[in-house]
Amino acid sequence: MKFISGNMAALKADSTGETEGKMTKTEAWKKAIEALVDPTSGMDEPERANYEQKIMQKLKSGKRLSSEELDYLRIHNPEMYKIAVRVETERKVLKTKMQNCKSKEEVQQVVSIQMEVLKAMKGDPAQEYMTAMVEKEVRDFKRTSEYARLPQKREKGKKTSGGEELYKETEKMEEGEALCQKAVAYNRMQVQCDKIGELAQTYLSA
């Protein structure tokens, strides 16, 4: 909700600067929607450039982008937005695979396969960001107590992390995560719709 409150302040500042009569309803609604969706609404060009630079630094260091930062890329840098979405999708898959491993050896197998995939991405503009993400997630996972508790090798007679059991577990986790994300997105959309209505009324009454 932080970006909404920030945009509310920017919109109030914008509305005070209107000098040529009132907006039409269509103009008011359009501006309200754009302001809520764009986290840099109300910023000048240097501020917007600085905001984008911070986003790129996060991508290059493998960090996860916020929903507001993804919104910015979707509006102002569509090509980078596509890359960021690919990185986040692969991040979830990688984390799920590592969490489903039953030994440190299996974790290393997952990492080795992922590194081969990265090598095969030569020439892909997403390779740099994918590599940074993988390195960060692997490093972070190996620092967890979950990883520390894993045995070096899995007990004999049990399926490895590349077997059917792992894929079924992964699919279930991904399905559950997808449902949670949809619920969060739905709630966020409802809040935004309410705010859009309020902002449109602010413009019309200005």
N, C-alpha and C. Protein backbone atom coordinates (compact mmCIF):
# COMPACT_ATOMS: atom_id res chain seq x y z
N MET A 1 0.82 -1.21 0.00
CA MET A 1 0.00 0.00 0.00
C MET A 1 0.86 1.26 0.00
N LYS A 2 2.17 1.11 0.17
CA LYS A 2 3.05 2.27 0.25
C LYS A 2 3.01 3.08 -1.03
N PHE A 3 3.03 2.40 -2.20
CA PHE A 3 3.08 3.13 -3.45
C PHE A 3 1.77 3.85 -3.70
N ILE A 4 0.64 3.34 -3.17
CA ILE A 4 -0.65 4.00 -3.35
C ILE A 4 -0.67 5.32 -2.60
N SER A 5 -0.20 5.31 -1.35
CA SER A 5 -0.20 6.54 -0.57
C SER A 5 0.73 7.58 -1.20
N GLY A 6 1.85 7.11 -1.76
CA GLY A 6 2.78 8.02 -2.42
C GLY A 6 2.15 8.65 -3.64
N ASN A 7 1.43 7.86 -4.41
CA ASN A 7 0.79 8.38 -5.60
C ASN A 7 -0.36 9.32 -5.25
N MET A 8 -1.03 9.05 -4.13
CA MET A 8 -2.11 9.93 -3.68
C MET A 8 -1.56 11.34 -3.47
N ALA A 9 -0.39 11.42 -2.82
CA ALA A 9 0.23 12.72 -2.56
C ALA A 9 0.60 13.40 -3.87
N ALA A 10 1.13 12.61 -4.81
CA ALA A 10 1.52 13.18 -6.10
C ALA A 10 0.32 13.69 -6.86
N LEU A 11 -0.77 12.94 -6.78
CA LEU A 11 -1.99 13.34 -7.49
C LEU A 11 -2.58 14.62 -6.92
N LYS A 12 -2.54 14.76 -5.60
CA LYS A 12 -3.06 15.99 -4.99
C LYS A 12 -2.24 17.18 -5.44
N ALA A 13 -0.91 16.96 -5.56
CA ALA A 13 -0.03 18.05 -6.01
C ALA A 13 -0.36 18.40 -7.45
N ASP A 14 -0.62 17.36 -8.27
CA ASP A 14 -0.95 17.59 -9.68
C ASP A 14 -2.26 18.36 -9.81
N SER A 15 -3.26 17.99 -8.99
CA SER A 15 -4.58 18.59 -9.11
C SER A 15 -4.56 20.07 -8.76
N THR A 16 -3.65 20.46 -7.86
CA THR A 16 -3.58 21.87 -7.49
C THR A 16 -2.98 22.71 -8.60
N GLY A 17 -2.27 22.04 -9.53
CA GLY A 17 -1.65 22.77 -10.62
C GLY A 17 -2.56 22.93 -11.83
N GLU A 18 -3.76 22.35 -11.82
CA GLU A 18 -4.68 22.48 -12.94
C GLU A 18 -5.20 23.91 -12.99
N THR A 19 -5.01 24.54 -14.12
CA THR A 19 -5.41 25.94 -14.24
C THR A 19 -6.45 26.18 -15.33
N GLU A 20 -6.65 25.19 -16.17
CA GLU A 20 -7.55 25.39 -17.30
C GLU A 20 -8.83 24.57 -17.14
N GLY A 21 -9.65 24.93 -16.17
CA GLY A 21 -10.95 24.29 -16.02
C GLY A 21 -10.86 22.87 -15.50
N LYS A 22 -12.03 22.23 -15.36
CA LYS A 22 -12.08 20.88 -14.83
C LYS A 22 -11.90 19.84 -15.93
N MET A 23 -11.42 18.65 -15.52
CA MET A 23 -11.25 17.55 -16.46
C MET A 23 -12.60 16.92 -16.77
N THR A 24 -12.65 16.22 -17.89
CA THR A 24 -13.83 15.42 -18.18
C THR A 24 -13.73 14.16 -17.35
N LYS A 25 -14.81 13.40 -17.22
CA LYS A 25 -14.79 12.17 -16.45
C LYS A 25 -13.79 11.17 -17.04
N THR A 26 -13.76 11.10 -18.36
CA THR A 26 -12.84 10.17 -19.02
C THR A 26 -11.39 10.52 -18.71
N GLU A 27 -11.05 11.80 -18.78
CA GLU A 27 -9.69 12.24 -18.49
C GLU A 27 -9.33 11.98 -17.04
N ALA A 28 -10.29 12.23 -16.15
CA ALA A 28 -10.03 12.03 -14.72
C ALA A 28 -9.76 10.57 -14.41
N TRP A 29 -10.59 9.68 -14.96
CA TRP A 29 -10.40 8.25 -14.71
C TRP A 29 -9.10 7.75 -15.33
N LYS A 30 -8.78 8.21 -16.53
CA LYS A 30 -7.55 7.78 -17.19
C LYS A 30 -6.33 8.19 -16.38
N LYS A 31 -6.33 9.44 -15.91
CA LYS A 31 -5.18 9.91 -15.15
C LYS A 31 -5.07 9.20 -13.80
N ALA A 32 -6.21 8.93 -13.19
CA ALA A 32 -6.20 8.23 -11.90
C ALA A 32 -5.64 6.82 -12.06
N ILE A 33 -6.05 6.13 -13.12
CA ILE A 33 -5.56 4.77 -13.36
C ILE A 33 -4.06 4.77 -13.62
N GLU A 34 -3.60 5.67 -14.49
CA GLU A 34 -2.17 5.74 -14.80
C GLU A 34 -1.35 6.05 -13.55
N ALA A 35 -1.86 6.94 -12.71
CA ALA A 35 -1.12 7.34 -11.51
C ALA A 35 -0.99 6.19 -10.52
N LEU A 36 -2.04 5.39 -10.39
CA LEU A 36 -1.99 4.28 -9.43
C LEU A 36 -1.12 3.15 -9.93
N VAL A 37 -1.15 2.89 -11.22
CA VAL A 37 -0.37 1.78 -11.77
C VAL A 37 1.11 2.11 -11.84
N ASP A 38 1.44 3.37 -12.16
CA ASP A 38 2.83 3.78 -12.30
C ASP A 38 3.39 4.27 -10.96
N PRO A 39 4.34 3.53 -10.37
CA PRO A 39 4.90 3.93 -9.07
C PRO A 39 5.74 5.20 -9.14
N THR A 40 6.08 5.66 -10.35
CA THR A 40 6.89 6.88 -10.46
C THR A 40 6.03 8.08 -10.84
N SER A 41 4.72 7.96 -10.72
CA SER A 41 3.84 9.08 -11.02
C SER A 41 4.19 10.25 -10.11
N GLY A 42 4.34 11.42 -10.69
CA GLY A 42 4.68 12.60 -9.91
C GLY A 42 6.17 12.86 -9.81
N MET A 43 6.99 11.90 -10.26
CA MET A 43 8.44 12.10 -10.23
C MET A 43 8.89 12.87 -11.46
N ASP A 44 10.00 13.62 -11.32
CA ASP A 44 10.58 14.27 -12.49
C ASP A 44 11.52 13.27 -13.17
N GLU A 45 12.10 13.65 -14.30
CA GLU A 45 12.92 12.72 -15.08
C GLU A 45 14.15 12.20 -14.32
N PRO A 46 14.89 13.05 -13.61
CA PRO A 46 16.05 12.53 -12.85
C PRO A 46 15.63 11.50 -11.79
N GLU A 47 14.50 11.75 -11.13
CA GLU A 47 14.02 10.81 -10.11
C GLU A 47 13.61 9.50 -10.74
N ARG A 48 12.94 9.58 -11.89
CA ARG A 48 12.51 8.37 -12.58
C ARG A 48 13.71 7.57 -13.07
N ALA A 49 14.72 8.27 -13.57
CA ALA A 49 15.94 7.60 -14.05
C ALA A 49 16.64 6.90 -12.89
N ASN A 50 16.66 7.54 -11.73
CA ASN A 50 17.29 6.96 -10.55
C ASN A 50 16.52 5.72 -10.09
N TYR A 51 15.20 5.79 -10.19
CA TYR A 51 14.35 4.66 -9.80
C TYR A 51 14.65 3.46 -10.69
N GLU A 52 14.75 3.70 -12.01
CA GLU A 52 15.02 2.61 -12.94
C GLU A 52 16.42 2.04 -12.72
N GLN A 53 17.36 2.91 -12.40
CA GLN A 53 18.73 2.45 -12.16
C GLN A 53 18.77 1.49 -10.96
N LYS A 54 18.00 1.80 -9.92
CA LYS A 54 17.95 0.93 -8.75
C LYS A 54 17.34 -0.42 -9.11
N ILE A 55 16.34 -0.41 -9.99
CA ILE A 55 15.72 -1.65 -10.44
C ILE A 55 16.75 -2.51 -11.17
N MET A 56 17.51 -1.89 -12.06
CA MET A 56 18.51 -2.63 -12.82
C MET A 56 19.61 -3.18 -11.91
N GLN A 57 19.96 -2.43 -10.88
CA GLN A 57 20.97 -2.91 -9.93
C GLN A 57 20.47 -4.15 -9.18
N LYS A 58 19.17 -4.14 -8.84
CA LYS A 58 18.59 -5.30 -8.16
C LYS A 58 18.59 -6.52 -9.08
N LEU A 59 18.23 -6.31 -10.34
CA LEU A 59 18.23 -7.42 -11.29
C LEU A 59 19.64 -8.00 -11.48
N LYS A 60 20.62 -7.11 -11.57
CA LYS A 60 21.99 -7.55 -11.80
C LYS A 60 22.58 -8.25 -10.57
N SER A 61 22.02 -7.98 -9.40
CA SER A 61 22.51 -8.64 -8.18
C SER A 61 21.66 -9.86 -7.83
N GLY A 62 20.66 -10.15 -8.66
CA GLY A 62 19.85 -11.35 -8.45
C GLY A 62 18.73 -11.19 -7.46
N LYS A 63 18.47 -9.96 -7.01
CA LYS A 63 17.42 -9.74 -6.02
C LYS A 63 16.03 -9.75 -6.65
N ARG A 64 15.05 -10.05 -5.84
CA ARG A 64 13.67 -10.11 -6.31
C ARG A 64 13.07 -8.70 -6.40
N LEU A 65 12.36 -8.43 -7.49
CA LEU A 65 11.73 -7.13 -7.66
C LEU A 65 10.37 -7.11 -6.97
N SER A 66 9.98 -5.93 -6.49
CA SER A 66 8.67 -5.76 -5.88
C SER A 66 7.62 -5.65 -6.99
N SER A 67 6.36 -5.77 -6.62
CA SER A 67 5.28 -5.64 -7.60
C SER A 67 5.27 -4.24 -8.21
N GLU A 68 5.62 -3.22 -7.41
CA GLU A 68 5.67 -1.86 -7.92
C GLU A 68 6.77 -1.70 -8.96
N GLU A 69 7.92 -2.32 -8.69
CA GLU A 69 9.04 -2.23 -9.63
C GLU A 69 8.71 -2.96 -10.93
N LEU A 70 8.00 -4.07 -10.83
CA LEU A 70 7.56 -4.78 -12.04
C LEU A 70 6.56 -3.93 -12.82
N ASP A 71 5.69 -3.23 -12.09
CA ASP A 71 4.72 -2.34 -12.74
C ASP A 71 5.45 -1.26 -13.54
N TYR A 72 6.51 -0.73 -12.95
CA TYR A 72 7.28 0.32 -13.62
C TYR A 72 7.85 -0.20 -14.94
N LEU A 73 8.47 -1.38 -14.89
CA LEU A 73 9.06 -1.94 -16.10
C LEU A 73 7.99 -2.24 -17.15
N ARG A 74 6.86 -2.73 -16.70
CA ARG A 74 5.78 -3.06 -17.64
C ARG A 74 5.33 -1.82 -18.42
N ILE A 75 5.33 -0.66 -17.74
CA ILE A 75 4.88 0.58 -18.36
C ILE A 75 5.99 1.26 -19.17
N HIS A 76 7.19 1.34 -18.59
CA HIS A 76 8.26 2.13 -19.19
C HIS A 76 9.33 1.33 -19.93
N ASN A 77 9.45 0.05 -19.65
CA ASN A 77 10.49 -0.76 -20.28
C ASN A 77 9.95 -2.19 -20.51
N PRO A 78 9.04 -2.36 -21.47
CA PRO A 78 8.38 -3.65 -21.72
C PRO A 78 9.34 -4.82 -21.96
N GLU A 79 10.44 -4.57 -22.68
CA GLU A 79 11.39 -5.65 -22.97
C GLU A 79 12.06 -6.14 -21.69
N MET A 80 12.45 -5.21 -20.83
CA MET A 80 13.07 -5.60 -19.57
C MET A 80 12.04 -6.24 -18.64
N TYR A 81 10.80 -5.83 -18.77
CA TYR A 81 9.72 -6.43 -17.97
C TYR A 81 9.60 -7.92 -18.30
N LYS A 82 9.67 -8.26 -19.59
CA LYS A 82 9.58 -9.67 -20.00
C LYS A 82 10.72 -10.47 -19.41
N ILE A 83 11.91 -9.88 -19.40
CA ILE A 83 13.06 -10.56 -18.82
C ILE A 83 12.87 -10.75 -17.32
N ALA A 84 12.41 -9.71 -16.64
CA ALA A 84 12.20 -9.77 -15.19
C ALA A 84 11.18 -10.85 -14.83
N VAL A 85 10.13 -10.97 -15.62
CA VAL A 85 9.12 -11.99 -15.36
C VAL A 85 9.71 -13.39 -15.55
N ARG A 86 10.53 -13.56 -16.58
CA ARG A 86 11.20 -14.86 -16.80
C ARG A 86 12.08 -15.21 -15.61
N VAL A 87 12.81 -14.22 -15.11
CA VAL A 87 13.72 -14.44 -13.98
C VAL A 87 12.93 -14.86 -12.74
N GLU A 88 11.81 -14.16 -12.48
CA GLU A 88 11.02 -14.48 -11.29
C GLU A 88 10.37 -15.86 -11.40
N THR A 89 9.94 -16.22 -12.61
CA THR A 89 9.34 -17.54 -12.81
C THR A 89 10.37 -18.63 -12.56
N GLU A 90 11.57 -18.44 -13.10
CA GLU A 90 12.64 -19.42 -12.91
C GLU A 90 13.10 -19.48 -11.46
N ARG A 91 13.04 -18.33 -10.77
CA ARG A 91 13.43 -18.29 -9.36
C ARG A 91 12.53 -19.23 -8.53
N LYS A 92 11.22 -19.15 -8.77
CA LYS A 92 10.27 -19.98 -8.04
C LYS A 92 10.50 -21.46 -8.30
N VAL A 93 10.77 -21.79 -9.56
CA VAL A 93 11.02 -23.19 -9.93
C VAL A 93 12.28 -23.71 -9.25
N LEU A 94 13.35 -22.91 -9.29
CA LEU A 94 14.62 -23.31 -8.68
C LEU A 94 14.48 -23.49 -7.18
N LYS A 95 13.83 -22.55 -6.50
CA LYS A 95 13.66 -22.64 -5.05
C LYS A 95 12.85 -23.89 -4.68
N THR A 96 11.82 -24.19 -5.45
CA THR A 96 10.99 -25.36 -5.18
C THR A 96 11.81 -26.64 -5.34
N LYS A 97 12.61 -26.70 -6.39
CA LYS A 97 13.44 -27.89 -6.62
C LYS A 97 14.43 -28.10 -5.48
N MET A 98 15.08 -27.03 -5.04
CA MET A 98 16.07 -27.16 -3.95
C MET A 98 15.39 -27.55 -2.64
N GLN A 99 14.22 -26.99 -2.38
CA GLN A 99 13.50 -27.30 -1.15
C GLN A 99 13.01 -28.74 -1.12
N ASN A 100 12.82 -29.34 -2.29
CA ASN A 100 12.36 -30.72 -2.37
C ASN A 100 13.49 -31.74 -2.33
N CYS A 101 14.72 -31.27 -2.37
CA CYS A 101 15.86 -32.18 -2.33
C CYS A 101 15.97 -32.85 -0.96
N LYS A 102 16.42 -34.10 -0.96
CA LYS A 102 16.53 -34.87 0.28
C LYS A 102 17.98 -35.05 0.72
N SER A 103 18.91 -34.44 0.01
CA SER A 103 20.31 -34.52 0.40
C SER A 103 21.08 -33.35 -0.23
N LYS A 104 22.25 -33.08 0.31
CA LYS A 104 23.09 -32.03 -0.25
C LYS A 104 23.55 -32.42 -1.65
N GLU A 105 23.74 -33.70 -1.86
CA GLU A 105 24.14 -34.18 -3.18
C GLU A 105 23.07 -33.86 -4.22
N GLU A 106 21.81 -34.02 -3.86
CA GLU A 106 20.72 -33.72 -4.78
C GLU A 106 20.65 -32.22 -5.07
N VAL A 107 20.90 -31.41 -4.05
CA VAL A 107 20.92 -29.97 -4.26
C VAL A 107 21.98 -29.62 -5.30
N GLN A 108 23.16 -30.25 -5.18
CA GLN A 108 24.24 -29.98 -6.11
C GLN A 108 23.86 -30.43 -7.52
N GLN A 109 23.11 -31.52 -7.62
CA GLN A 109 22.66 -31.99 -8.93
C GLN A 109 21.73 -30.96 -9.57
N VAL A 110 20.83 -30.42 -8.77
CA VAL A 110 19.90 -29.40 -9.26
C VAL A 110 20.68 -28.17 -9.74
N VAL A 111 21.68 -27.77 -8.93
CA VAL A 111 22.49 -26.60 -9.28
C VAL A 111 23.28 -26.85 -10.56
N SER A 112 23.85 -28.03 -10.68
CA SER A 112 24.64 -28.36 -11.87
C SER A 112 23.80 -28.32 -13.14
N ILE A 113 22.59 -28.86 -13.05
CA ILE A 113 21.68 -28.83 -14.20
C ILE A 113 21.33 -27.39 -14.56
N GLN A 114 21.08 -26.58 -13.53
CA GLN A 114 20.73 -25.18 -13.75
C GLN A 114 21.88 -24.42 -14.41
N MET A 115 23.10 -24.72 -14.02
CA MET A 115 24.25 -24.05 -14.60
C MET A 115 24.43 -24.42 -16.07
N GLU A 116 24.09 -25.67 -16.41
CA GLU A 116 24.15 -26.09 -17.81
C GLU A 116 23.11 -25.34 -18.64
N VAL A 117 21.94 -25.13 -18.04
CA VAL A 117 20.89 -24.38 -18.72
C VAL A 117 21.36 -22.94 -18.98
N LEU A 118 22.02 -22.36 -18.00
CA LEU A 118 22.53 -20.99 -18.15
C LEU A 118 23.57 -20.89 -19.26
N LYS A 119 24.43 -21.90 -19.36
CA LYS A 119 25.44 -21.90 -20.41
C LYS A 119 24.79 -21.96 -21.78
N ALA A 120 23.69 -22.72 -21.87
CA ALA A 120 22.97 -22.86 -23.14
C ALA A 120 22.24 -21.58 -23.55
N MET A 121 22.14 -20.63 -22.62
CA MET A 121 21.44 -19.37 -22.89
C MET A 121 22.35 -18.32 -23.52
N LYS A 122 23.54 -18.71 -23.95
CA LYS A 122 24.49 -17.77 -24.51
C LYS A 122 23.83 -16.94 -25.62
N GLY A 123 23.94 -15.62 -25.50
CA GLY A 123 23.33 -14.73 -26.48
C GLY A 123 21.95 -14.26 -26.08
N ASP A 124 21.37 -14.90 -25.08
CA ASP A 124 20.05 -14.51 -24.58
C ASP A 124 20.22 -13.29 -23.67
N PRO A 125 19.47 -12.21 -23.90
CA PRO A 125 19.60 -11.01 -23.06
C PRO A 125 19.26 -11.26 -21.59
N ALA A 126 18.58 -12.36 -21.30
CA ALA A 126 18.21 -12.66 -19.91
C ALA A 126 19.30 -13.43 -19.17
N GLN A 127 20.32 -13.89 -19.87
CA GLN A 127 21.33 -14.75 -19.26
C GLN A 127 22.01 -14.10 -18.05
N GLU A 128 22.41 -12.85 -18.19
CA GLU A 128 23.09 -12.14 -17.10
C GLU A 128 22.24 -12.11 -15.84
N TYR A 129 20.96 -11.80 -16.00
CA TYR A 129 20.06 -11.67 -14.85
C TYR A 129 19.68 -13.03 -14.28
N MET A 130 19.55 -14.01 -15.16
CA MET A 130 19.26 -15.38 -14.70
C MET A 130 20.43 -15.91 -13.88
N THR A 131 21.64 -15.66 -14.37
CA THR A 131 22.84 -16.13 -13.67
C THR A 131 22.94 -15.51 -12.28
N ALA A 132 22.71 -14.21 -12.20
CA ALA A 132 22.77 -13.51 -10.91
C ALA A 132 21.72 -14.07 -9.95
N MET A 133 20.53 -14.34 -10.47
CA MET A 133 19.45 -14.86 -9.64
C MET A 133 19.80 -16.25 -9.10
N VAL A 134 20.29 -17.12 -9.99
CA VAL A 134 20.64 -18.49 -9.58
C VAL A 134 21.73 -18.46 -8.51
N GLU A 135 22.76 -17.68 -8.74
CA GLU A 135 23.86 -17.60 -7.77
C GLU A 135 23.36 -17.13 -6.41
N LYS A 136 22.49 -16.14 -6.41
CA LYS A 136 21.96 -15.60 -5.15
C LYS A 136 21.08 -16.64 -4.43
N GLU A 137 20.17 -17.28 -5.17
CA GLU A 137 19.26 -18.24 -4.55
C GLU A 137 19.99 -19.46 -4.01
N VAL A 138 20.98 -19.93 -4.74
CA VAL A 138 21.77 -21.07 -4.28
C VAL A 138 22.56 -20.69 -3.03
N ARG A 139 23.17 -19.52 -3.08
CA ARG A 139 23.96 -19.04 -1.93
C ARG A 139 23.07 -18.89 -0.69
N ASP A 140 21.89 -18.29 -0.87
CA ASP A 140 20.98 -18.08 0.25
C ASP A 140 20.46 -19.41 0.79
N PHE A 141 20.15 -20.34 -0.11
CA PHE A 141 19.61 -21.62 0.35
C PHE A 141 20.65 -22.40 1.14
N LYS A 142 21.89 -22.35 0.72
CA LYS A 142 22.95 -23.09 1.41
C LYS A 142 23.28 -22.51 2.79
N ARG A 143 22.75 -21.31 3.05
CA ARG A 143 22.95 -20.70 4.37
C ARG A 143 21.81 -21.03 5.34
N THR A 144 20.78 -21.70 4.85
CA THR A 144 19.61 -21.98 5.69
C THR A 144 19.82 -23.21 6.57
N SER A 145 19.04 -23.28 7.66
CA SER A 145 19.09 -24.45 8.54
C SER A 145 18.50 -25.66 7.82
N GLU A 146 17.60 -25.39 6.90
CA GLU A 146 16.98 -26.47 6.11
C GLU A 146 18.05 -27.23 5.34
N TYR A 147 18.96 -26.49 4.73
CA TYR A 147 20.05 -27.13 3.98
C TYR A 147 21.03 -27.81 4.93
N ALA A 148 21.32 -27.16 6.04
CA ALA A 148 22.28 -27.71 7.00
C ALA A 148 21.83 -29.06 7.55
N ARG A 149 20.50 -29.26 7.65
CA ARG A 149 19.98 -30.52 8.20
C ARG A 149 20.00 -31.66 7.20
N LEU A 150 20.21 -31.36 5.94
CA LEU A 150 20.19 -32.41 4.92
C LEU A 150 21.41 -33.33 5.05
N PRO A 151 21.22 -34.63 4.85
CA PRO A 151 22.37 -35.55 4.85
C PRO A 151 23.18 -35.31 3.58
N GLN A 152 24.42 -35.77 3.59
CA GLN A 152 25.26 -35.58 2.40
C GLN A 152 24.68 -36.34 1.20
N LYS A 153 24.22 -37.57 1.46
CA LYS A 153 23.62 -38.37 0.39
C LYS A 153 22.28 -38.92 0.85
N ARG A 154 21.40 -39.18 -0.09
CA ARG A 154 20.08 -39.72 0.22
C ARG A 154 20.19 -41.21 0.50
N GLU A 155 19.31 -41.71 1.37
CA GLU A 155 19.33 -43.13 1.71
C GLU A 155 19.07 -43.98 0.47
N LYS A 156 19.70 -45.15 0.44
CA LYS A 156 19.54 -46.04 -0.71
C LYS A 156 18.09 -46.56 -0.79
N GLY A 157 17.65 -46.79 -2.01
CA GLY A 157 16.30 -47.32 -2.20
C GLY A 157 15.25 -46.27 -2.38
N LYS A 158 15.61 -45.00 -2.16
CA LYS A 158 14.65 -43.91 -2.33
C LYS A 158 14.92 -43.20 -3.65
N LYS A 159 13.89 -42.63 -4.22
CA LYS A 159 14.00 -41.95 -5.50
C LYS A 159 14.84 -40.68 -5.35
N THR A 160 15.53 -40.35 -6.42
CA THR A 160 16.34 -39.13 -6.40
C THR A 160 15.48 -37.94 -6.72
N SER A 161 16.07 -36.75 -6.59
CA SER A 161 15.32 -35.52 -6.79
C SER A 161 14.84 -35.36 -8.23
N GLY A 162 15.42 -36.14 -9.15
CA GLY A 162 15.00 -36.00 -10.54
C GLY A 162 13.87 -36.94 -10.89
N GLY A 163 13.38 -37.73 -9.94
CA GLY A 163 12.34 -38.72 -10.20
C GLY A 163 10.94 -38.16 -10.24
N GLU A 164 10.01 -39.08 -10.48
CA GLU A 164 8.60 -38.70 -10.61
C GLU A 164 8.06 -38.09 -9.33
N GLU A 165 8.51 -38.59 -8.17
CA GLU A 165 8.03 -38.08 -6.89
C GLU A 165 8.31 -36.60 -6.74
N LEU A 166 9.51 -36.16 -7.11
CA LEU A 166 9.88 -34.76 -6.99
C LEU A 166 9.01 -33.89 -7.89
N TYR A 167 8.80 -34.35 -9.11
CA TYR A 167 8.02 -33.55 -10.04
C TYR A 167 6.58 -33.38 -9.56
N LYS A 168 6.02 -34.44 -8.97
CA LYS A 168 4.65 -34.34 -8.46
C LYS A 168 4.59 -33.36 -7.30
N GLU A 169 5.58 -33.41 -6.40
CA GLU A 169 5.61 -32.50 -5.27
C GLU A 169 5.78 -31.06 -5.75
N THR A 170 6.65 -30.89 -6.76
CA THR A 170 6.89 -29.56 -7.30
C THR A 170 5.63 -28.97 -7.92
N GLU A 171 4.91 -29.82 -8.68
CA GLU A 171 3.68 -29.36 -9.32
C GLU A 171 2.65 -28.92 -8.29
N LYS A 172 2.53 -29.70 -7.19
CA LYS A 172 1.57 -29.34 -6.15
C LYS A 172 1.93 -28.01 -5.50
N MET A 173 3.21 -27.81 -5.22
CA MET A 173 3.65 -26.57 -4.59
C MET A 173 3.42 -25.39 -5.51
N GLU A 174 3.71 -25.58 -6.81
CA GLU A 174 3.54 -24.49 -7.77
C GLU A 174 2.08 -24.12 -7.94
N GLU A 175 1.20 -25.17 -7.92
CA GLU A 175 -0.23 -24.91 -8.04
C GLU A 175 -0.74 -24.13 -6.84
N GLY A 176 -0.29 -24.52 -5.65
CA GLY A 176 -0.70 -23.83 -4.43
C GLY A 176 -0.21 -22.40 -4.41
N GLU A 177 1.03 -22.20 -4.84
CA GLU A 177 1.60 -20.85 -4.87
C GLU A 177 0.85 -19.98 -5.87
N ALA A 178 0.48 -20.58 -7.02
CA ALA A 178 -0.24 -19.82 -8.05
C ALA A 178 -1.59 -19.35 -7.52
N LEU A 179 -2.28 -20.21 -6.76
CA LEU A 179 -3.58 -19.84 -6.19
C LEU A 179 -3.43 -18.70 -5.19
N CYS A 180 -2.37 -18.78 -4.38
CA CYS A 180 -2.13 -17.71 -3.40
C CYS A 180 -1.85 -16.38 -4.10
N GLN A 181 -1.07 -16.45 -5.17
CA GLN A 181 -0.74 -15.24 -5.91
C GLN A 181 -1.98 -14.62 -6.54
N LYS A 182 -2.88 -15.48 -7.03
CA LYS A 182 -4.12 -14.98 -7.62
C LYS A 182 -4.98 -14.29 -6.57
N ALA A 183 -5.02 -14.86 -5.37
CA ALA A 183 -5.81 -14.26 -4.29
C ALA A 183 -5.24 -12.90 -3.90
N VAL A 184 -3.92 -12.82 -3.80
CA VAL A 184 -3.27 -11.56 -3.45
C VAL A 184 -3.52 -10.51 -4.53
N ALA A 185 -3.38 -10.94 -5.80
CA ALA A 185 -3.60 -10.02 -6.92
C ALA A 185 -5.04 -9.51 -6.94
N TYR A 186 -5.99 -10.40 -6.63
CA TYR A 186 -7.40 -10.01 -6.62
C TYR A 186 -7.66 -8.97 -5.54
N ASN A 187 -7.11 -9.20 -4.35
CA ASN A 187 -7.30 -8.25 -3.25
C ASN A 187 -6.65 -6.91 -3.58
N ARG A 188 -5.49 -6.97 -4.20
CA ARG A 188 -4.79 -5.74 -4.57
C ARG A 188 -5.60 -4.97 -5.62
N MET A 189 -6.20 -5.71 -6.56
CA MET A 189 -6.99 -5.06 -7.60
C MET A 189 -8.20 -4.37 -7.01
N GLN A 190 -8.84 -5.00 -6.01
CA GLN A 190 -10.00 -4.39 -5.38
C GLN A 190 -9.61 -3.07 -4.70
N VAL A 191 -8.48 -3.09 -3.99
CA VAL A 191 -8.02 -1.87 -3.32
C VAL A 191 -7.73 -0.78 -4.34
N GLN A 192 -7.08 -1.15 -5.44
CA GLN A 192 -6.74 -0.17 -6.46
C GLN A 192 -7.99 0.42 -7.10
N CYS A 193 -9.01 -0.41 -7.35
CA CYS A 193 -10.25 0.08 -7.93
C CYS A 193 -10.90 1.13 -7.03
N ASP A 194 -10.89 0.86 -5.73
CA ASP A 194 -11.45 1.82 -4.78
C ASP A 194 -10.67 3.14 -4.83
N LYS A 195 -9.33 3.04 -4.87
CA LYS A 195 -8.50 4.23 -4.88
C LYS A 195 -8.67 5.00 -6.19
N ILE A 196 -8.81 4.28 -7.31
CA ILE A 196 -9.01 4.94 -8.59
C ILE A 196 -10.27 5.79 -8.57
N GLY A 197 -11.34 5.22 -7.98
CA GLY A 197 -12.59 5.97 -7.87
C GLY A 197 -12.42 7.23 -7.06
N GLU A 198 -11.70 7.10 -5.95
CA GLU A 198 -11.47 8.26 -5.09
C GLU A 198 -10.66 9.34 -5.80
N LEU A 199 -9.62 8.90 -6.52
CA LEU A 199 -8.77 9.87 -7.22
C LEU A 199 -9.51 10.55 -8.36
N ALA A 200 -10.33 9.79 -9.07
CA ALA A 200 -11.10 10.39 -10.15
C ALA A 200 -12.04 11.47 -9.63
N GLN A 201 -12.66 11.19 -8.48
CA GLN A 201 -13.53 12.19 -7.87
C GLN A 201 -12.76 13.42 -7.45
N THR A 202 -11.52 13.20 -6.99
CA THR A 202 -10.66 14.32 -6.59
C THR A 202 -10.38 15.23 -7.77
N TYR A 203 -10.10 14.62 -8.92
CA TYR A 203 -9.84 15.41 -10.12
C TYR A 203 -11.09 16.17 -10.58
N LEU A 204 -12.21 15.47 -10.55
CA LEU A 204 -13.45 16.10 -11.03
C LEU A 204 -13.90 17.25 -10.16
N SER A 205 -13.58 17.17 -8.87
CA SER A 205 -14.02 18.21 -7.95
C SER A 205 -12.99 19.33 -7.80
N ALA A 206 -11.81 19.13 -8.41
CA ALA A 206 -10.72 20.13 -8.28
C ALA A 206 -11.07 21.42 -9.03
